[in-house]
Amino acid sequence: MRFSTTIWLGLLFVCVVVLVDLAWTQLDGPAEEKPVMWRIGTADVQSLELRHRSGAERHFTRTTEGWSGGDPARVNAALLLLASPEAMRRLPAASADPSTYGFGRPALTIKLVDPVRSASVIEVGDATPDGSNRYVRQAGGDAIFLVPRSWFEALMLLLPDAGDTDR
C-alpha cells in the first residue's frame, strides 16, 4: 500500500469517528440543567425566621459578632442552602390547587429579611408520594419545585424542637 493511500484511509477513519461521535451525542440529547429556584444574596440577609407547622419557630438576627439566636455555623450553612438552590425539577404549570402540595399549611415557612429588598418568604410543602423530595415555592408564587428531602432535613437542624419532620 502506498503512503498517500494510508494517509487518506487514516483521514477517512478519523472523519468517520467524528461523525459517529456527533450522531451519538445528538441521540443522547443535551444534558438537562437543574432549574435554580431563586437567588438570594446571603451577605445582605439581616434576619432569618423559620416556622414549622407544628408551631416550633426560631428567629436569627445578624449582629456585629455573628448571628444571635443559634449556632452561627448552622445559620450560615442554612443561608448557603437558601442562596440559590437547584431544584430536582420544576413542576409543569400548577393546574391543581397548591394545597394539594402542602402549601395550605406548609411544613416549613422560611422568611429572609434583607434591608434593601422586601422579605423573601419560602414555603416547603409536603413530601412527594415516594418521600424522596419536597415541594417548594416562593410564597404566593405559581412555580413549584421539587428539592431533595435532604435539603429540607438540613434546614430542620435549626429547629430541633419541631419533632417529626414528615408531619
Protein backbone atom coordinates (compact mmCIF):
# COMPACT_ATOMS: atom_id res chain seq x y z
CA MET A 1 0.00 0.00 0.00
CA ARG A 2 1.29 3.41 -0.89
CA PHE A 3 1.98 6.05 1.75
CA SER A 4 -0.62 8.52 0.35
CA THR A 5 -3.29 5.80 0.40
CA THR A 6 -2.53 5.14 4.06
CA ILE A 7 -2.88 8.84 4.90
CA TRP A 8 -6.21 9.08 3.07
CA LEU A 9 -7.54 5.98 4.82
CA GLY A 10 -6.40 7.38 8.18
CA LEU A 11 -8.18 10.69 7.50
CA LEU A 12 -11.30 8.83 6.39
CA PHE A 13 -11.22 6.80 9.63
CA VAL A 14 -10.90 9.98 11.76
CA CYS A 15 -13.84 11.59 9.90
CA VAL A 16 -16.00 8.50 10.45
CA VAL A 17 -15.16 8.50 14.18
CA VAL A 18 -16.03 12.20 14.49
CA LEU A 19 -19.33 11.75 12.62
CA VAL A 20 -20.29 8.73 14.76
CA ASP A 21 -19.49 10.73 17.92
CA LEU A 22 -21.63 13.65 16.74
CA ALA A 23 -24.51 11.34 15.87
CA TRP A 24 -24.25 9.61 19.27
CA THR A 25 -24.29 12.97 21.09
CA GLN A 26 -27.37 14.06 19.17
CA LEU A 27 -29.18 10.83 20.07
CA ASP A 28 -28.44 11.36 23.76
CA GLY A 29 -29.69 14.93 23.57
CA PRO A 30 -28.41 17.81 25.64
CA ALA A 31 -27.95 17.32 29.36
CA GLU A 32 -30.93 18.67 31.29
CA GLU A 33 -29.97 21.50 33.58
CA LYS A 34 -31.50 21.64 37.03
CA PRO A 35 -33.57 24.77 37.50
CA VAL A 36 -32.46 27.37 40.04
CA MET A 37 -35.45 28.38 42.15
CA TRP A 38 -34.21 31.83 43.23
CA ARG A 39 -31.07 33.76 44.11
CA ILE A 40 -30.58 35.46 47.46
CA GLY A 41 -27.53 37.48 48.46
CA THR A 42 -26.59 35.90 51.79
CA ALA A 43 -24.40 38.82 52.84
CA ASP A 44 -27.44 41.13 52.81
CA VAL A 45 -29.71 38.91 54.92
CA GLN A 46 -30.22 40.54 58.32
CA SER A 47 -32.61 38.04 59.82
CA LEU A 48 -33.82 34.53 59.23
CA GLU A 49 -37.06 33.11 60.62
CA LEU A 50 -38.19 29.52 60.42
CA ARG A 51 -41.64 28.32 61.38
CA HIS A 52 -42.63 24.63 61.34
CA ARG A 53 -46.26 23.57 61.00
CA SER A 54 -46.02 22.03 64.49
CA GLY A 55 -45.67 25.57 65.87
CA ALA A 56 -41.93 25.39 66.54
CA GLU A 57 -40.14 28.50 65.36
CA ARG A 58 -36.73 30.16 65.57
CA HIS A 59 -35.52 33.68 64.82
CA PHE A 60 -31.92 34.51 63.98
CA THR A 61 -30.61 38.07 63.71
CA ARG A 62 -27.28 39.16 62.27
CA THR A 63 -25.15 41.10 64.74
CA THR A 64 -21.65 42.52 64.51
CA GLU A 65 -20.38 39.34 66.24
CA GLY A 66 -22.29 36.90 64.02
CA TRP A 67 -25.79 35.50 64.50
CA SER A 68 -27.90 35.72 67.62
CA GLY A 69 -30.45 33.05 68.36
CA GLY A 70 -28.45 29.99 67.47
CA ASP A 71 -25.26 28.36 66.29
CA PRO A 72 -23.70 30.78 63.74
CA ALA A 73 -22.17 27.93 61.73
CA ARG A 74 -25.58 26.28 61.27
CA VAL A 75 -27.22 29.59 60.35
CA ASN A 76 -24.53 30.30 57.76
CA ALA A 77 -24.90 26.78 56.36
CA ALA A 78 -28.68 27.27 56.10
CA LEU A 79 -28.14 30.56 54.26
CA LEU A 80 -25.89 28.81 51.78
CA LEU A 81 -28.63 26.24 51.19
CA LEU A 82 -31.12 29.05 50.61
CA ALA A 83 -28.90 31.30 48.47
CA SER A 84 -29.52 29.74 45.05
CA PRO A 85 -30.76 26.20 45.46
CA GLU A 86 -31.03 23.89 42.50
CA ALA A 87 -34.28 22.03 42.23
CA MET A 88 -34.55 18.46 41.06
CA ARG A 89 -37.10 19.83 38.60
CA ARG A 90 -39.85 22.39 38.18
CA LEU A 91 -43.38 21.08 38.05
CA PRO A 92 -45.42 21.98 34.99
CA ALA A 93 -47.71 24.98 35.44
CA ALA A 94 -49.68 24.04 38.51
CA SER A 95 -53.22 23.25 37.49
CA ALA A 96 -54.03 21.69 40.83
CA ASP A 97 -54.80 23.57 43.99
CA PRO A 98 -51.50 24.47 45.78
CA SER A 99 -52.86 22.89 48.95
CA THR A 100 -52.53 19.57 47.09
CA TYR A 101 -48.77 20.00 47.53
CA GLY A 102 -48.99 21.03 51.17
CA PHE A 103 -48.96 24.82 50.74
CA GLY A 104 -52.28 25.32 52.51
CA ARG A 105 -50.37 24.64 55.71
CA PRO A 106 -46.65 24.50 54.79
CA ALA A 107 -44.37 22.09 56.62
CA LEU A 108 -41.83 24.91 56.92
CA THR A 109 -42.02 28.64 56.25
CA ILE A 110 -38.73 30.48 55.86
CA LYS A 111 -38.53 34.26 55.95
CA LEU A 112 -35.33 36.05 54.95
CA VAL A 113 -35.22 39.77 55.68
CA ASP A 114 -32.93 42.00 53.67
CA PRO A 115 -32.93 45.78 54.28
CA VAL A 116 -32.52 46.52 50.55
CA ARG A 117 -35.34 44.32 49.25
CA SER A 118 -38.57 43.23 50.80
CA ALA A 119 -38.60 39.99 52.75
CA SER A 120 -38.39 36.74 50.84
CA VAL A 121 -40.72 34.04 52.07
CA ILE A 122 -40.16 30.44 51.05
CA GLU A 123 -42.64 27.67 51.72
CA VAL A 124 -41.79 23.98 51.94
CA GLY A 125 -44.80 21.80 51.32
CA ASP A 126 -45.41 18.09 51.77
CA ALA A 127 -43.13 15.24 50.83
CA THR A 128 -43.65 13.65 47.44
CA PRO A 129 -45.52 10.32 47.47
CA ASP A 130 -42.24 8.36 47.42
CA GLY A 131 -40.82 10.52 50.24
CA SER A 132 -37.58 11.36 48.41
CA ASN A 133 -38.37 15.02 47.67
CA ARG A 134 -40.30 18.03 48.98
CA TYR A 135 -42.43 20.59 47.16
CA VAL A 136 -41.07 24.15 47.49
CA ARG A 137 -42.14 27.56 46.24
CA GLN A 138 -41.77 31.24 46.99
CA ALA A 139 -44.82 32.25 49.00
CA GLY A 140 -47.71 33.11 46.74
CA GLY A 141 -45.77 32.12 43.62
CA ASP A 142 -47.02 29.86 40.86
CA ALA A 143 -43.75 27.99 40.31
CA ILE A 144 -43.49 24.79 42.34
CA PHE A 145 -40.20 22.91 42.50
CA LEU A 146 -39.00 19.58 43.84
CA VAL A 147 -35.99 19.58 46.17
CA PRO A 148 -34.28 16.59 47.76
CA ARG A 149 -35.55 15.61 51.18
CA SER A 150 -32.00 16.13 52.49
CA TRP A 151 -32.26 19.89 51.69
CA PHE A 152 -35.31 20.13 53.94
CA GLU A 153 -33.74 17.98 56.66
CA ALA A 154 -30.62 20.18 56.71
CA LEU A 155 -32.79 23.26 57.31
CA MET A 156 -34.69 21.42 60.02
CA LEU A 157 -31.44 21.15 62.03
CA LEU A 158 -32.16 24.76 63.01
CA LEU A 159 -35.47 23.62 64.54
CA PRO A 160 -34.56 20.67 66.75
CA ASP A 161 -37.74 21.13 68.80
CA ALA A 162 -40.04 20.68 65.77
CA GLY A 163 -40.29 16.94 66.31
CA ASP A 164 -41.26 14.72 63.39
CA THR A 165 -40.17 16.43 60.17
CA ASP A 166 -42.57 14.44 57.98
CA ARG A 167 -45.70 15.89 59.58
